[in-house]
Amino acid sequence: MVFIISAPSGSGKSTLVAELMQKVPALRFSVSYSTRPPRDGERNGEQYHFVSRETFERMIANEEFLEWADVFGHYYGTHVNELSKARDGGYDLVLDIDVQGARQLREKVPDAVSIFILAPSRAELEQRLRARSQDSEAVIQRRLRDAAEEIRNYPHYDYVLVNDQVEKSAQRLISIVTAERARRNRMEAQVRPILDSFEKHEKEVHQNG
């Protein structure tokens, strides 16, 4: 299964995703490629694969991305190998991508489960952005303007999760993933024997000429 998780910057998405990855087994987190410089404490290959614009654009030309987007002047993208790596390892894939990337990915993986996370209000989002002490005033204001546009995309998502309290929100995210897994597995368990009976019949007919 593929889980798409999107949120305006400052909504607390990274914290919730970290809790999800820690507490739910057999999940693989898709590490995106990015042209933005690493922040303090970030390591190449953990938060992102950090590459130059030239390298990223060459990868675009070579059609190496499932999805990619230009966000705040930096490229972000998911490599096509992420799906096969998860599948081969027996994992479900979790992608932390923006609304542009989510739109592209849903076209390629229509049965992906999409979850949109947001702060309970504009004032709360602004407070969280300021508390991070990572951005200039101009960048904070731009992120707030863009957040309004991103939130308007919520109808395209399967779930909307308001991150008002971290612990409760993390549990809701875990519940969504757990429930979707159970639903998909239950459907597989019910349908697979029926499908096998058809395939067995077709094989017998073919063998008997």
N, C-alpha and C. Protein backbone atom coordinates (compact mmCIF):
# COMPACT_ATOMS: atom_id res chain seq x y z
N MET A 1 0.84 -1.19 0.00
CA MET A 1 0.00 0.00 0.00
C MET A 1 0.87 1.24 0.00
N VAL A 2 0.31 2.32 -0.53
CA VAL A 2 1.01 3.60 -0.56
C VAL A 2 0.19 4.62 0.23
N PHE A 3 0.85 5.29 1.19
CA PHE A 3 0.19 6.32 1.99
C PHE A 3 0.83 7.66 1.67
N ILE A 4 0.03 8.59 1.17
CA ILE A 4 0.48 9.95 0.86
C ILE A 4 0.09 10.85 2.01
N ILE A 5 1.06 11.57 2.56
CA ILE A 5 0.78 12.49 3.67
C ILE A 5 1.26 13.88 3.27
N SER A 6 0.33 14.85 3.28
CA SER A 6 0.65 16.23 2.91
C SER A 6 0.20 17.18 4.01
N ALA A 7 0.83 18.36 4.04
CA ALA A 7 0.45 19.37 5.03
C ALA A 7 1.15 20.68 4.71
N PRO A 8 0.55 21.80 5.04
CA PRO A 8 1.27 23.07 4.96
C PRO A 8 2.47 23.05 5.90
N SER A 9 3.52 23.74 5.54
CA SER A 9 4.71 23.81 6.38
C SER A 9 4.35 24.37 7.76
N GLY A 10 4.81 23.68 8.81
CA GLY A 10 4.53 24.12 10.17
C GLY A 10 3.34 23.42 10.82
N SER A 11 2.70 22.51 10.10
CA SER A 11 1.50 21.84 10.64
C SER A 11 1.84 20.71 11.61
N GLY A 12 3.11 20.34 11.70
CA GLY A 12 3.50 19.27 12.61
C GLY A 12 3.53 17.91 11.95
N LYS A 13 3.55 17.90 10.63
CA LYS A 13 3.51 16.65 9.89
C LYS A 13 4.70 15.74 10.21
N SER A 14 5.90 16.31 10.25
CA SER A 14 7.09 15.49 10.47
C SER A 14 7.04 14.77 11.81
N THR A 15 6.54 15.44 12.84
CA THR A 15 6.42 14.83 14.16
C THR A 15 5.46 13.66 14.13
N LEU A 16 4.31 13.83 13.47
CA LEU A 16 3.31 12.77 13.41
C LEU A 16 3.81 11.59 12.59
N VAL A 17 4.48 11.89 11.48
CA VAL A 17 5.01 10.81 10.64
C VAL A 17 6.08 10.02 11.39
N ALA A 18 6.90 10.72 12.17
CA ALA A 18 7.93 10.03 12.96
C ALA A 18 7.29 9.07 13.96
N GLU A 19 6.20 9.49 14.59
CA GLU A 19 5.48 8.61 15.52
C GLU A 19 4.90 7.41 14.79
N LEU A 20 4.35 7.65 13.62
CA LEU A 20 3.78 6.58 12.81
C LEU A 20 4.84 5.54 12.46
N MET A 21 5.99 6.00 11.99
CA MET A 21 7.04 5.10 11.58
C MET A 21 7.60 4.30 12.75
N GLN A 22 7.60 4.92 13.92
CA GLN A 22 8.14 4.25 15.11
C GLN A 22 7.20 3.17 15.64
N LYS A 23 5.90 3.40 15.53
CA LYS A 23 4.94 2.54 16.22
C LYS A 23 4.22 1.54 15.32
N VAL A 24 4.28 1.74 14.01
CA VAL A 24 3.59 0.82 13.10
C VAL A 24 4.64 0.02 12.31
N PRO A 25 4.58 -1.30 12.38
CA PRO A 25 5.60 -2.12 11.70
C PRO A 25 5.39 -2.17 10.19
N ALA A 26 6.44 -2.61 9.49
CA ALA A 26 6.41 -2.88 8.05
C ALA A 26 6.05 -1.66 7.22
N LEU A 27 6.52 -0.49 7.64
CA LEU A 27 6.37 0.72 6.86
C LEU A 27 7.75 1.17 6.39
N ARG A 28 7.84 1.65 5.18
CA ARG A 28 9.07 2.22 4.65
C ARG A 28 8.81 3.69 4.33
N PHE A 29 9.67 4.57 4.84
CA PHE A 29 9.53 5.99 4.57
C PHE A 29 10.30 6.34 3.30
N SER A 30 9.62 6.98 2.38
CA SER A 30 10.24 7.37 1.11
C SER A 30 11.08 8.63 1.33
N VAL A 31 12.38 8.53 1.14
CA VAL A 31 13.28 9.67 1.29
C VAL A 31 13.35 10.39 -0.06
N SER A 32 12.83 11.60 -0.09
CA SER A 32 12.77 12.36 -1.33
C SER A 32 14.12 12.96 -1.69
N TYR A 33 14.25 13.36 -2.93
CA TYR A 33 15.39 14.14 -3.39
C TYR A 33 15.03 15.62 -3.27
N SER A 34 16.01 16.45 -2.94
CA SER A 34 15.76 17.89 -2.81
C SER A 34 17.01 18.69 -3.17
N THR A 35 16.75 19.88 -3.70
CA THR A 35 17.86 20.79 -4.02
C THR A 35 18.06 21.84 -2.94
N ARG A 36 17.24 21.82 -1.89
CA ARG A 36 17.44 22.83 -0.84
C ARG A 36 18.64 22.43 0.01
N PRO A 37 19.33 23.41 0.62
CA PRO A 37 20.46 23.06 1.48
C PRO A 37 20.01 22.36 2.75
N PRO A 38 20.82 21.45 3.28
CA PRO A 38 20.45 20.77 4.53
C PRO A 38 20.36 21.76 5.69
N ARG A 39 19.40 21.54 6.59
CA ARG A 39 19.30 22.33 7.81
C ARG A 39 20.18 21.69 8.89
N ASP A 40 20.37 22.41 9.97
CA ASP A 40 21.18 21.90 11.08
C ASP A 40 20.63 20.55 11.55
N GLY A 41 21.50 19.57 11.65
CA GLY A 41 21.09 18.26 12.13
C GLY A 41 20.62 17.31 11.05
N GLU A 42 20.39 17.80 9.84
CA GLU A 42 19.95 16.93 8.76
C GLU A 42 21.14 16.24 8.10
N ARG A 43 20.93 14.98 7.72
CA ARG A 43 21.99 14.20 7.09
C ARG A 43 21.51 13.70 5.74
N ASN A 44 22.41 13.73 4.78
CA ASN A 44 22.09 13.27 3.44
C ASN A 44 21.66 11.79 3.48
N GLY A 45 20.52 11.51 2.87
CA GLY A 45 20.00 10.15 2.84
C GLY A 45 19.05 9.82 3.96
N GLU A 46 18.93 10.71 4.95
CA GLU A 46 17.99 10.48 6.04
C GLU A 46 16.72 11.31 5.86
N GLN A 47 16.84 12.63 5.98
CA GLN A 47 15.67 13.48 5.74
C GLN A 47 15.40 13.61 4.24
N TYR A 48 16.47 13.84 3.47
CA TYR A 48 16.41 13.97 2.00
C TYR A 48 17.70 13.45 1.40
N HIS A 49 17.64 13.15 0.11
CA HIS A 49 18.85 13.01 -0.69
C HIS A 49 19.12 14.41 -1.27
N PHE A 50 20.14 15.07 -0.78
CA PHE A 50 20.41 16.44 -1.20
C PHE A 50 21.29 16.43 -2.46
N VAL A 51 20.77 17.06 -3.52
CA VAL A 51 21.48 17.10 -4.80
C VAL A 51 21.44 18.52 -5.37
N SER A 52 22.26 18.79 -6.37
CA SER A 52 22.28 20.10 -7.02
C SER A 52 21.09 20.22 -7.98
N ARG A 53 20.78 21.46 -8.36
CA ARG A 53 19.71 21.68 -9.35
C ARG A 53 20.06 21.00 -10.66
N GLU A 54 21.32 21.05 -11.04
CA GLU A 54 21.74 20.43 -12.28
C GLU A 54 21.48 18.93 -12.26
N THR A 55 21.82 18.29 -11.15
CA THR A 55 21.58 16.85 -11.02
C THR A 55 20.09 16.55 -11.04
N PHE A 56 19.31 17.34 -10.31
CA PHE A 56 17.86 17.10 -10.24
C PHE A 56 17.24 17.25 -11.62
N GLU A 57 17.61 18.30 -12.34
CA GLU A 57 17.04 18.52 -13.67
C GLU A 57 17.45 17.43 -14.65
N ARG A 58 18.64 16.89 -14.48
CA ARG A 58 19.05 15.75 -15.31
C ARG A 58 18.18 14.53 -14.99
N MET A 59 17.84 14.35 -13.71
CA MET A 59 16.98 13.23 -13.32
C MET A 59 15.56 13.42 -13.86
N ILE A 60 15.09 14.66 -13.90
CA ILE A 60 13.78 14.93 -14.51
C ILE A 60 13.80 14.52 -15.97
N ALA A 61 14.84 14.94 -16.68
CA ALA A 61 14.96 14.63 -18.11
C ALA A 61 15.01 13.13 -18.35
N ASN A 62 15.59 12.40 -17.41
CA ASN A 62 15.70 10.94 -17.53
C ASN A 62 14.46 10.22 -17.00
N GLU A 63 13.44 10.98 -16.60
CA GLU A 63 12.17 10.44 -16.09
C GLU A 63 12.40 9.50 -14.91
N GLU A 64 13.22 9.97 -13.95
CA GLU A 64 13.54 9.16 -12.79
C GLU A 64 12.61 9.39 -11.60
N PHE A 65 11.63 10.30 -11.74
CA PHE A 65 10.77 10.63 -10.61
C PHE A 65 9.34 10.16 -10.81
N LEU A 66 8.75 9.61 -9.73
CA LEU A 66 7.32 9.35 -9.71
C LEU A 66 6.55 10.65 -9.69
N GLU A 67 7.09 11.61 -8.95
CA GLU A 67 6.51 12.94 -8.87
C GLU A 67 7.62 13.90 -8.50
N TRP A 68 7.44 15.16 -8.88
CA TRP A 68 8.38 16.20 -8.45
C TRP A 68 7.67 17.54 -8.50
N ALA A 69 8.22 18.48 -7.75
CA ALA A 69 7.60 19.80 -7.69
C ALA A 69 8.66 20.84 -7.33
N ASP A 70 8.38 22.07 -7.69
CA ASP A 70 9.20 23.22 -7.31
C ASP A 70 8.47 23.92 -6.17
N VAL A 71 9.05 23.86 -4.97
CA VAL A 71 8.42 24.42 -3.78
C VAL A 71 9.35 25.46 -3.16
N PHE A 72 8.89 26.71 -3.11
CA PHE A 72 9.70 27.79 -2.55
C PHE A 72 11.07 27.89 -3.23
N GLY A 73 11.10 27.63 -4.52
CA GLY A 73 12.34 27.79 -5.28
C GLY A 73 13.28 26.60 -5.22
N HIS A 74 12.85 25.52 -4.57
CA HIS A 74 13.68 24.31 -4.51
C HIS A 74 12.89 23.13 -5.06
N TYR A 75 13.60 22.22 -5.73
CA TYR A 75 12.98 21.02 -6.25
C TYR A 75 12.87 19.95 -5.17
N TYR A 76 11.76 19.19 -5.23
CA TYR A 76 11.57 18.01 -4.39
C TYR A 76 10.99 16.92 -5.28
N GLY A 77 11.44 15.68 -5.09
CA GLY A 77 10.91 14.61 -5.92
C GLY A 77 11.07 13.23 -5.31
N THR A 78 10.20 12.31 -5.73
CA THR A 78 10.22 10.92 -5.29
C THR A 78 10.75 10.04 -6.41
N HIS A 79 11.81 9.31 -6.15
CA HIS A 79 12.42 8.47 -7.18
C HIS A 79 11.52 7.27 -7.48
N VAL A 80 11.53 6.85 -8.74
CA VAL A 80 10.67 5.73 -9.17
C VAL A 80 11.02 4.44 -8.44
N ASN A 81 12.25 4.32 -7.97
CA ASN A 81 12.66 3.07 -7.31
C ASN A 81 12.03 2.87 -5.94
N GLU A 82 11.45 3.94 -5.36
CA GLU A 82 10.89 3.82 -4.01
C GLU A 82 9.78 2.78 -3.94
N LEU A 83 8.94 2.72 -4.96
CA LEU A 83 7.85 1.74 -4.96
C LEU A 83 8.38 0.32 -5.01
N SER A 84 9.33 0.07 -5.89
CA SER A 84 9.86 -1.29 -6.03
C SER A 84 10.63 -1.71 -4.78
N LYS A 85 11.37 -0.78 -4.16
CA LYS A 85 12.10 -1.11 -2.94
C LYS A 85 11.15 -1.52 -1.83
N ALA A 86 10.03 -0.80 -1.69
CA ALA A 86 9.05 -1.14 -0.66
C ALA A 86 8.41 -2.48 -0.97
N ARG A 87 8.02 -2.67 -2.21
CA ARG A 87 7.36 -3.92 -2.60
C ARG A 87 8.28 -5.11 -2.40
N ASP A 88 9.52 -4.98 -2.83
CA ASP A 88 10.46 -6.09 -2.71
C ASP A 88 10.77 -6.43 -1.26
N GLY A 89 10.72 -5.42 -0.39
CA GLY A 89 11.01 -5.65 1.02
C GLY A 89 9.79 -6.04 1.84
N GLY A 90 8.62 -6.07 1.21
CA GLY A 90 7.40 -6.41 1.93
C GLY A 90 6.87 -5.30 2.82
N TYR A 91 7.14 -4.05 2.42
CA TYR A 91 6.71 -2.89 3.21
C TYR A 91 5.59 -2.14 2.50
N ASP A 92 4.81 -1.39 3.28
CA ASP A 92 3.95 -0.36 2.74
C ASP A 92 4.77 0.94 2.72
N LEU A 93 4.48 1.80 1.75
CA LEU A 93 5.30 2.98 1.53
C LEU A 93 4.60 4.24 2.04
N VAL A 94 5.32 5.05 2.81
CA VAL A 94 4.82 6.32 3.33
C VAL A 94 5.56 7.45 2.62
N LEU A 95 4.80 8.35 2.01
CA LEU A 95 5.40 9.49 1.30
C LEU A 95 4.97 10.79 1.94
N ASP A 96 5.93 11.61 2.27
CA ASP A 96 5.71 12.95 2.82
C ASP A 96 5.93 13.93 1.68
N ILE A 97 4.83 14.31 0.99
CA ILE A 97 4.96 15.16 -0.20
C ILE A 97 3.90 16.26 -0.20
N ASP A 98 4.17 17.32 -0.95
CA ASP A 98 3.25 18.46 -0.98
C ASP A 98 2.08 18.17 -1.93
N VAL A 99 1.16 19.12 -2.01
CA VAL A 99 -0.07 18.89 -2.78
C VAL A 99 0.21 18.72 -4.27
N GLN A 100 1.24 19.39 -4.80
CA GLN A 100 1.59 19.21 -6.21
C GLN A 100 2.02 17.78 -6.48
N GLY A 101 2.93 17.30 -5.64
CA GLY A 101 3.42 15.93 -5.80
C GLY A 101 2.33 14.91 -5.57
N ALA A 102 1.45 15.17 -4.59
CA ALA A 102 0.37 14.24 -4.29
C ALA A 102 -0.55 14.09 -5.50
N ARG A 103 -0.82 15.19 -6.17
CA ARG A 103 -1.68 15.15 -7.36
C ARG A 103 -1.07 14.27 -8.44
N GLN A 104 0.23 14.43 -8.67
CA GLN A 104 0.91 13.61 -9.68
C GLN A 104 0.91 12.14 -9.29
N LEU A 105 1.16 11.88 -8.00
CA LEU A 105 1.28 10.50 -7.56
C LEU A 105 -0.06 9.77 -7.61
N ARG A 106 -1.14 10.46 -7.27
CA ARG A 106 -2.46 9.83 -7.33
C ARG A 106 -2.80 9.39 -8.75
N GLU A 107 -2.30 10.12 -9.74
CA GLU A 107 -2.55 9.73 -11.12
C GLU A 107 -1.83 8.44 -11.47
N LYS A 108 -0.65 8.23 -10.89
CA LYS A 108 0.14 7.03 -11.18
C LYS A 108 -0.20 5.87 -10.26
N VAL A 109 -0.64 6.19 -9.04
CA VAL A 109 -1.02 5.15 -8.07
C VAL A 109 -2.42 5.48 -7.56
N PRO A 110 -3.46 5.18 -8.35
CA PRO A 110 -4.82 5.62 -8.00
C PRO A 110 -5.36 5.08 -6.69
N ASP A 111 -4.85 3.91 -6.25
CA ASP A 111 -5.38 3.33 -5.01
C ASP A 111 -4.58 3.77 -3.78
N ALA A 112 -3.70 4.75 -3.94
CA ALA A 112 -2.96 5.27 -2.79
C ALA A 112 -3.93 5.92 -1.80
N VAL A 113 -3.63 5.83 -0.52
CA VAL A 113 -4.44 6.45 0.53
C VAL A 113 -3.81 7.80 0.87
N SER A 114 -4.59 8.87 0.77
CA SER A 114 -4.04 10.21 0.97
C SER A 114 -4.60 10.85 2.23
N ILE A 115 -3.70 11.49 2.98
CA ILE A 115 -4.05 12.08 4.28
C ILE A 115 -3.52 13.51 4.32
N PHE A 116 -4.39 14.45 4.65
CA PHE A 116 -4.00 15.86 4.72
C PHE A 116 -4.00 16.30 6.18
N ILE A 117 -2.88 16.86 6.61
CA ILE A 117 -2.73 17.30 8.01
C ILE A 117 -2.69 18.82 8.04
N LEU A 118 -3.37 19.43 8.97
CA LEU A 118 -3.31 20.89 9.09
C LEU A 118 -3.42 21.32 10.54
N ALA A 119 -2.91 22.51 10.80
CA ALA A 119 -3.01 23.12 12.13
C ALA A 119 -4.45 23.59 12.34
N PRO A 120 -4.88 23.74 13.60
CA PRO A 120 -6.28 24.09 13.87
C PRO A 120 -6.70 25.50 13.45
N SER A 121 -5.74 26.39 13.20
CA SER A 121 -6.09 27.76 12.80
C SER A 121 -4.88 28.44 12.17
N ARG A 122 -5.13 29.55 11.51
CA ARG A 122 -4.02 30.31 10.94
C ARG A 122 -3.09 30.83 12.04
N ALA A 123 -3.68 31.29 13.13
CA ALA A 123 -2.89 31.83 14.23
C ALA A 123 -1.97 30.76 14.82
N GLU A 124 -2.49 29.55 14.96
CA GLU A 124 -1.68 28.45 15.50
C GLU A 124 -0.56 28.09 14.53
N LEU A 125 -0.86 28.08 13.25
CA LEU A 125 0.17 27.77 12.26
C LEU A 125 1.28 28.83 12.29
N GLU A 126 0.89 30.09 12.38
CA GLU A 126 1.89 31.15 12.44
C GLU A 126 2.77 31.00 13.68
N GLN A 127 2.15 30.68 14.80
CA GLN A 127 2.91 30.50 16.04
C GLN A 127 3.92 29.37 15.89
N ARG A 128 3.52 28.28 15.28
CA ARG A 128 4.42 27.14 15.09
C ARG A 128 5.57 27.49 14.15
N LEU A 129 5.27 28.23 13.10
CA LEU A 129 6.33 28.63 12.17
C LEU A 129 7.36 29.52 12.87
N ARG A 130 6.88 30.43 13.70
CA ARG A 130 7.80 31.33 14.42
C ARG A 130 8.61 30.57 15.46
N ALA A 131 7.98 29.58 16.09
CA ALA A 131 8.66 28.82 17.14
C ALA A 131 9.82 28.00 16.59
N ARG A 132 9.76 27.66 15.31
CA ARG A 132 10.84 26.87 14.71
C ARG A 132 12.12 27.68 14.58
N SER A 133 11.99 29.01 14.45
CA SER A 133 13.12 29.92 14.31
C SER A 133 14.03 29.52 13.14
N GLN A 134 13.40 29.09 12.05
CA GLN A 134 14.17 28.66 10.88
C GLN A 134 14.07 29.64 9.73
N ASP A 135 13.01 30.47 9.72
CA ASP A 135 12.70 31.27 8.54
C ASP A 135 12.69 32.77 8.85
N SER A 136 12.98 33.55 7.83
CA SER A 136 12.86 35.00 7.95
C SER A 136 11.40 35.39 7.96
N GLU A 137 11.13 36.67 8.29
CA GLU A 137 9.75 37.15 8.32
C GLU A 137 9.10 37.02 6.95
N ALA A 138 9.86 37.34 5.91
CA ALA A 138 9.31 37.25 4.55
C ALA A 138 8.93 35.82 4.20
N VAL A 139 9.76 34.86 4.61
CA VAL A 139 9.46 33.45 4.32
C VAL A 139 8.25 32.98 5.11
N ILE A 140 8.14 33.41 6.37
CA ILE A 140 6.98 33.04 7.18
C ILE A 140 5.69 33.53 6.53
N GLN A 141 5.69 34.78 6.09
CA GLN A 141 4.49 35.33 5.46
C GLN A 141 4.16 34.59 4.16
N ARG A 142 5.19 34.20 3.41
CA ARG A 142 4.95 33.46 2.18
C ARG A 142 4.39 32.08 2.48
N ARG A 143 4.91 31.44 3.52
CA ARG A 143 4.40 30.12 3.89
C ARG A 143 2.94 30.20 4.33
N LEU A 144 2.57 31.26 5.02
CA LEU A 144 1.18 31.42 5.44
C LEU A 144 0.26 31.66 4.25
N ARG A 145 0.71 32.44 3.29
CA ARG A 145 -0.10 32.66 2.09
C ARG A 145 -0.28 31.36 1.31
N ASP A 146 0.82 30.62 1.17
CA ASP A 146 0.75 29.36 0.43
C ASP A 146 -0.08 28.32 1.17
N ALA A 147 -0.08 28.38 2.50
CA ALA A 147 -0.86 27.43 3.29
C ALA A 147 -2.34 27.52 2.95
N ALA A 148 -2.83 28.74 2.77
CA ALA A 148 -4.25 28.92 2.44
C ALA A 148 -4.58 28.22 1.12
N GLU A 149 -3.69 28.34 0.15
CA GLU A 149 -3.91 27.70 -1.15
C GLU A 149 -3.82 26.18 -1.03
N GLU A 150 -2.88 25.72 -0.24
CA GLU A 150 -2.73 24.26 -0.05
C GLU A 150 -3.98 23.68 0.63
N ILE A 151 -4.49 24.38 1.63
CA ILE A 151 -5.64 23.86 2.38
C ILE A 151 -6.86 23.72 1.47
N ARG A 152 -6.97 24.56 0.47
CA ARG A 152 -8.10 24.46 -0.47
C ARG A 152 -8.10 23.15 -1.24
N ASN A 153 -7.00 22.42 -1.20
CA ASN A 153 -6.93 21.13 -1.89
C ASN A 153 -7.44 19.97 -1.04
N TYR A 154 -7.91 20.25 0.17
CA TYR A 154 -8.28 19.16 1.07
C TYR A 154 -9.34 18.22 0.51
N PRO A 155 -10.29 18.68 -0.36
CA PRO A 155 -11.30 17.72 -0.86
C PRO A 155 -10.72 16.59 -1.70
N HIS A 156 -9.50 16.75 -2.17
CA HIS A 156 -8.88 15.72 -3.00
C HIS A 156 -8.25 14.60 -2.17
N TYR A 157 -8.27 14.74 -0.85
CA TYR A 157 -7.66 13.75 0.04
C TYR A 157 -8.71 12.83 0.65
N ASP A 158 -8.28 11.62 0.97
CA ASP A 158 -9.20 10.65 1.58
C ASP A 158 -9.51 11.00 3.03
N TYR A 159 -8.51 11.56 3.73
CA TYR A 159 -8.67 11.90 5.14
C TYR A 159 -8.11 13.29 5.40
N VAL A 160 -8.73 14.00 6.35
CA VAL A 160 -8.20 15.26 6.86
C VAL A 160 -8.00 15.11 8.36
N LEU A 161 -6.80 15.43 8.82
CA LEU A 161 -6.46 15.27 10.23
C LEU A 161 -6.02 16.62 10.78
N VAL A 162 -6.79 17.16 11.73
CA VAL A 162 -6.45 18.43 12.36
C VAL A 162 -5.50 18.16 13.52
N ASN A 163 -4.28 18.65 13.42
CA ASN A 163 -3.26 18.38 14.43
C ASN A 163 -3.37 19.41 15.56
N ASP A 164 -4.32 19.16 16.47
CA ASP A 164 -4.53 20.08 17.59
C ASP A 164 -3.72 19.65 18.82
N GLN A 165 -3.63 18.32 19.05
CA GLN A 165 -2.81 17.77 20.14
C GLN A 165 -1.96 16.65 19.56
N VAL A 166 -0.67 16.75 19.74
CA VAL A 166 0.26 15.86 19.05
C VAL A 166 -0.03 14.39 19.34
N GLU A 167 -0.16 14.02 20.61
CA GLU A 167 -0.34 12.61 20.96
C GLU A 167 -1.63 12.05 20.37
N LYS A 168 -2.73 12.80 20.49
CA LYS A 168 -4.00 12.33 19.94
C LYS A 168 -3.96 12.29 18.42
N SER A 169 -3.31 13.28 17.82
CA SER A 169 -3.24 13.33 16.36
C SER A 169 -2.39 12.19 15.82
N ALA A 170 -1.30 11.88 16.51
CA ALA A 170 -0.46 10.75 16.11
C ALA A 170 -1.25 9.45 16.17
N GLN A 171 -2.05 9.30 17.21
CA GLN A 171 -2.86 8.08 17.34
C GLN A 171 -3.91 8.01 16.25
N ARG A 172 -4.48 9.15 15.87
CA ARG A 172 -5.45 9.14 14.78
C ARG A 172 -4.79 8.74 13.46
N LEU A 173 -3.58 9.24 13.24
CA LEU A 173 -2.86 8.88 12.02
C LEU A 173 -2.56 7.38 12.02
N ILE A 174 -2.11 6.85 13.13
CA ILE A 174 -1.84 5.42 13.25
C ILE A 174 -3.12 4.62 13.00
N SER A 175 -4.25 5.10 13.51
CA SER A 175 -5.53 4.41 13.33
C SER A 175 -5.94 4.36 11.87
N ILE A 176 -5.70 5.47 11.15
CA ILE A 176 -6.04 5.51 9.73
C ILE A 176 -5.24 4.46 8.97
N VAL A 177 -3.94 4.43 9.20
CA VAL A 177 -3.08 3.48 8.50
C VAL A 177 -3.46 2.04 8.85
N THR A 178 -3.70 1.79 10.13
CA THR A 178 -4.06 0.44 10.58
C THR A 178 -5.38 -0.01 9.97
N ALA A 179 -6.37 0.90 9.96
CA ALA A 179 -7.69 0.55 9.42
C ALA A 179 -7.63 0.30 7.92
N GLU A 180 -6.87 1.12 7.20
CA GLU A 180 -6.76 0.94 5.75
C GLU A 180 -6.05 -0.37 5.42
N ARG A 181 -5.05 -0.71 6.20
CA ARG A 181 -4.38 -2.00 6.00
C ARG A 181 -5.35 -3.15 6.23
N ALA A 182 -6.12 -3.08 7.30
CA ALA A 182 -7.06 -4.15 7.61
C ALA A 182 -8.12 -4.28 6.52
N ARG A 183 -8.61 -3.14 6.04
CA ARG A 183 -9.62 -3.17 4.98
C ARG A 183 -9.06 -3.80 3.71
N ARG A 184 -7.87 -3.38 3.30
CA ARG A 184 -7.27 -3.91 2.08
C ARG A 184 -6.96 -5.40 2.22
N ASN A 185 -6.43 -5.79 3.37
CA ASN A 185 -6.09 -7.20 3.59
C ASN A 185 -7.33 -8.08 3.64
N ARG A 186 -8.41 -7.54 4.23
CA ARG A 186 -9.65 -8.30 4.30
C ARG A 186 -10.22 -8.52 2.90
N MET A 187 -10.18 -7.48 2.08
CA MET A 187 -10.65 -7.61 0.70
C MET A 187 -9.83 -8.64 -0.06
N GLU A 188 -8.50 -8.60 0.14
CA GLU A 188 -7.62 -9.55 -0.53
C GLU A 188 -7.94 -10.97 -0.10
N ALA A 189 -8.16 -11.16 1.20
CA ALA A 189 -8.45 -12.50 1.71
C ALA A 189 -9.75 -13.04 1.16
N GLN A 190 -10.73 -12.17 0.93
CA GLN A 190 -12.02 -12.61 0.43
C GLN A 190 -12.00 -12.84 -1.08
N VAL A 191 -11.32 -11.96 -1.79
CA VAL A 191 -11.37 -12.00 -3.25
C VAL A 191 -10.39 -13.01 -3.84
N ARG A 192 -9.21 -13.17 -3.22
CA ARG A 192 -8.17 -14.01 -3.80
C ARG A 192 -8.63 -15.45 -4.07
N PRO A 193 -9.32 -16.14 -3.11
CA PRO A 193 -9.75 -17.51 -3.40
C PRO A 193 -10.72 -17.57 -4.59
N ILE A 194 -11.59 -16.59 -4.70
CA ILE A 194 -12.53 -16.57 -5.82
C ILE A 194 -11.79 -16.39 -7.14
N LEU A 195 -10.88 -15.44 -7.15
CA LEU A 195 -10.09 -15.20 -8.36
C LEU A 195 -9.27 -16.43 -8.72
N ASP A 196 -8.71 -17.09 -7.70
CA ASP A 196 -7.92 -18.30 -7.95
C ASP A 196 -8.77 -19.38 -8.61
N SER A 197 -10.05 -19.47 -8.21
CA SER A 197 -10.92 -20.50 -8.80
C SER A 197 -11.15 -20.23 -10.29
N PHE A 198 -11.27 -18.97 -10.66
CA PHE A 198 -11.42 -18.63 -12.08
C PHE A 198 -10.15 -18.95 -12.85
N GLU A 199 -9.00 -18.59 -12.25
CA GLU A 199 -7.72 -18.83 -12.92
C GLU A 199 -7.46 -20.33 -13.06
N LYS A 200 -7.84 -21.11 -12.05
CA LYS A 200 -7.68 -22.56 -12.12
C LYS A 200 -8.53 -23.14 -13.23
N HIS A 201 -9.77 -22.66 -13.35
CA HIS A 201 -10.67 -23.14 -14.40
C HIS A 201 -10.11 -22.80 -15.77
N GLU A 202 -9.64 -21.57 -15.94
CA GLU A 202 -9.10 -21.16 -17.23
C GLU A 202 -7.89 -22.01 -17.61
N LYS A 203 -7.07 -22.35 -16.61
CA LYS A 203 -5.88 -23.17 -16.86
C LYS A 203 -6.29 -24.58 -17.30
N GLU A 204 -7.32 -25.13 -16.63
CA GLU A 204 -7.79 -26.47 -16.99
C GLU A 204 -8.37 -26.50 -18.39
N VAL A 205 -9.13 -25.47 -18.73
CA VAL A 205 -9.70 -25.38 -20.08
C VAL A 205 -8.60 -25.31 -21.12
N HIS A 206 -7.58 -24.53 -20.84
CA HIS A 206 -6.47 -24.36 -21.76
C HIS A 206 -5.72 -25.70 -21.94
N GLN A 207 -5.52 -26.43 -20.83
CA GLN A 207 -4.79 -27.69 -20.88
C GLN A 207 -5.58 -28.77 -21.63
N ASN A 208 -6.90 -28.70 -21.53
CA ASN A 208 -7.75 -29.70 -22.18
C ASN A 208 -8.05 -29.38 -23.63
N GLY A 209 -7.50 -28.25 -24.08
CA GLY A 209 -7.64 -27.89 -25.48
C GLY A 209 -8.98 -27.29 -25.82
